C-alpha atoms as a PDB file:
ATOM      1  CA  MET A   1     -37.566  56.590  28.884  1.00  0.00           C
ATOM      2  CA  ASN A   2     -39.152  59.397  26.911  1.00  0.00           C
ATOM      3  CA  LEU A   3     -39.902  57.108  23.958  1.00  0.00           C
ATOM      4  CA  SER A   4     -41.794  54.632  26.115  1.00  0.00           C
ATOM      5  CA  PHE A   5     -43.759  57.457  27.757  1.00  0.00           C
ATOM      6  CA  ILE A   6     -44.698  58.944  24.359  1.00  0.00           C
ATOM      7  CA  ILE A   7     -45.793  55.533  23.041  1.00  0.00           C
ATOM      8  CA  PHE A   8     -47.849  54.928  26.189  1.00  0.00           C
ATOM      9  CA  ILE A   9     -49.573  58.339  25.898  1.00  0.00           C
ATOM     10  CA  ILE A  10     -50.351  57.765  22.200  1.00  0.00           C
ATOM     11  CA  GLY A  11     -51.948  54.424  23.049  1.00  0.00           C
ATOM     12  CA  LEU A  12     -53.873  55.923  25.948  1.00  0.00           C
ATOM     13  CA  PHE A  13     -55.241  58.753  23.803  1.00  0.00           C
ATOM     14  CA  GLY A  14     -56.162  56.250  21.099  1.00  0.00           C
ATOM     15  CA  PHE A  15     -58.048  54.167  23.643  1.00  0.00           C
ATOM     16  CA  ILE A  16     -59.878  57.163  25.118  1.00  0.00           C
ATOM     17  CA  PHE A  17     -60.828  58.988  21.913  1.00  0.00           C
ATOM     18  CA  ASN A  18     -61.638  56.045  19.592  1.00  0.00           C
ATOM     19  CA  ARG A  19     -64.558  54.391  21.289  1.00  0.00           C
ATOM     20  CA  ASN A  20     -66.524  53.378  18.194  1.00  0.00           C
ATOM     21  CA  ASN A  21     -64.187  50.898  16.472  1.00  0.00           C
ATOM     22  CA  ILE A  22     -63.091  47.656  18.097  1.00  0.00           C
ATOM     23  CA  ILE A  23     -59.980  47.253  15.942  1.00  0.00           C
ATOM     24  CA  LEU A  24     -58.667  50.663  17.005  1.00  0.00           C
ATOM     25  CA  LEU A  25     -59.304  49.759  20.649  1.00  0.00           C
ATOM     26  CA  PHE A  26     -57.254  46.560  20.281  1.00  0.00           C
ATOM     27  CA  ILE A  27     -54.441  48.425  18.528  1.00  0.00           C
ATOM     28  CA  SER A  28     -54.454  51.080  21.282  1.00  0.00           C
ATOM     29  CA  ILE A  29     -54.218  48.413  23.983  1.00  0.00           C
ATOM     30  CA  GLU A  30     -51.290  46.828  22.157  1.00  0.00           C
ATOM     31  CA  ILE A  31     -49.548  50.214  21.904  1.00  0.00           C
ATOM     32  CA  ILE A  32     -50.056  50.776  25.649  1.00  0.00           C
ATOM     33  CA  LEU A  33     -48.524  47.369  26.400  1.00  0.00           C
ATOM     34  CA  LEU A  34     -45.632  48.130  24.038  1.00  0.00           C
ATOM     35  CA  GLY A  35     -44.882  51.374  25.883  1.00  0.00           C
ATOM     36  CA  LEU A  36     -44.933  49.606  29.245  1.00  0.00           C
ATOM     37  CA  THR A  37     -42.707  46.826  27.953  1.00  0.00           C
ATOM     38  CA  ILE A  38     -40.138  49.262  26.575  1.00  0.00           C
ATOM     39  CA  ASN A  39     -40.115  51.096  29.912  1.00  0.00           C
ATOM     40  CA  ILE A  40     -39.631  47.879  31.898  1.00  0.00           C
ATOM     41  CA  LEU A  41     -36.863  46.662  29.578  1.00  0.00           C
ATOM     42  CA  ASN A  42     -35.098  50.017  29.674  1.00  0.00           C
ATOM     43  CA  THR A  43     -35.194  50.090  33.464  1.00  0.00           C
ATOM     44  CA  ALA A  44     -33.961  46.500  33.643  1.00  0.00           C
ATOM     45  CA  LEU A  45     -31.044  47.220  31.336  1.00  0.00           C
ATOM     46  CA  ILE A  46     -30.029  50.304  33.299  1.00  0.00           C
ATOM     47  CA  ASN A  47     -30.106  48.427  36.627  1.00  0.00           C
ATOM     48  CA  TYR A  48     -28.612  45.155  35.254  1.00  0.00           C
ATOM     49  CA  ASP A  49     -31.691  43.263  36.407  1.00  0.00           C
ATOM     50  CA  VAL A  50     -32.558  39.938  34.809  1.00  0.00           C
ATOM     51  CA  ASP A  51     -36.022  39.829  36.415  1.00  0.00           C
ATOM     52  CA  GLY A  52     -37.089  42.897  34.446  1.00  0.00           C
ATOM     53  CA  LEU A  53     -36.122  41.170  31.205  1.00  0.00           C
ATOM     54  CA  ILE A  54     -38.193  38.151  32.173  1.00  0.00           C
ATOM     55  CA  TYR A  55     -41.155  40.405  32.987  1.00  0.00           C
ATOM     56  CA  GLY A  56     -40.781  42.029  29.575  1.00  0.00           C
ATOM     57  CA  ILE A  57     -40.907  38.640  27.855  1.00  0.00           C
ATOM     58  CA  ILE A  58     -43.973  37.659  29.897  1.00  0.00           C
ATOM     59  CA  ILE A  59     -45.741  40.900  28.928  1.00  0.00           C
ATOM     60  CA  ILE A  60     -44.988  40.272  25.247  1.00  0.00           C
ATOM     61  CA  ILE A  61     -46.384  36.724  25.524  1.00  0.00           C
ATOM     62  CA  ILE A  62     -49.540  37.962  27.253  1.00  0.00           C
ATOM     63  CA  ALA A  63     -49.993  40.702  24.634  1.00  0.00           C
ATOM     64  CA  GLY A  64     -49.769  38.116  21.851  1.00  0.00           C
ATOM     65  CA  ALA A  65     -52.354  35.899  23.532  1.00  0.00           C
ATOM     66  CA  GLU A  66     -54.606  38.899  24.158  1.00  0.00           C
ATOM     67  CA  SER A  67     -54.479  39.964  20.529  1.00  0.00           C
ATOM     68  CA  ALA A  68     -55.229  36.428  19.293  1.00  0.00           C
ATOM     69  CA  ILE A  69     -58.221  36.083  21.615  1.00  0.00           C
ATOM     70  CA  GLY A  70     -59.389  39.615  20.822  1.00  0.00           C
ATOM     71  CA  LEU A  71     -59.252  39.031  17.077  1.00  0.00           C
ATOM     72  CA  SER A  72     -61.193  35.765  17.412  1.00  0.00           C
ATOM     73  CA  ILE A  73     -63.867  37.608  19.404  1.00  0.00           C
ATOM     74  CA  LEU A  74     -63.858  40.318  16.735  1.00  0.00           C
ATOM     75  CA  VAL A  75     -64.417  37.767  13.954  1.00  0.00           C
ATOM     76  CA  SER A  76     -67.300  36.212  15.915  1.00  0.00           C
ATOM     77  CA  TYR A  77     -68.814  39.655  16.524  1.00  0.00           C
ATOM     78  CA  TYR A  78     -68.547  40.507  12.825  1.00  0.00           C
ATOM     79  CA  ARG A  79     -70.232  37.246  11.819  1.00  0.00           C
ATOM     80  CA  LEU A  80     -73.028  37.848  14.302  1.00  0.00           C
ATOM     81  CA  ARG A  81     -73.693  41.562  13.655  1.00  0.00           C
ATOM     82  CA  GLY A  82     -72.286  42.187  10.174  1.00  0.00           C
ATOM     83  CA  HIS A  83     -70.225  45.215  11.295  1.00  0.00           C
ATOM     84  CA  ILE A  84     -67.539  46.007  13.852  1.00  0.00           C
ATOM     85  CA  ASN A  85     -68.732  49.396  15.097  1.00  0.00           C
ATOM     86  CA  ILE A  86     -69.679  49.417  18.751  1.00  0.00           C
ATOM     87  CA  GLU A  87     -72.175  52.288  18.559  1.00  0.00           C
ATOM     88  CA  ASN A  88     -74.361  50.697  15.843  1.00  0.00           C
ATOM     89  CA  ASN A  89     -75.835  47.868  17.919  1.00  0.00           C
END
């Protein structure tokens, strides 16, 4: 439980304090989802709940799709602007 909370806080701080680089924002979102998934899976294993395991798998699938779509948007942004910094529009 503590590990998932620490991972979630690290991802949240990364998302809040790194607002100028898109790659770091995507990595922070993935770390937040990883912390939530670990928490859901831990709770499901403690309570012997199969639904929690299914929710964990669904979150992992959604995180994979989100990262694939995010990276394709990032490549398009880089081709259009020539950089990936948000502040240098």
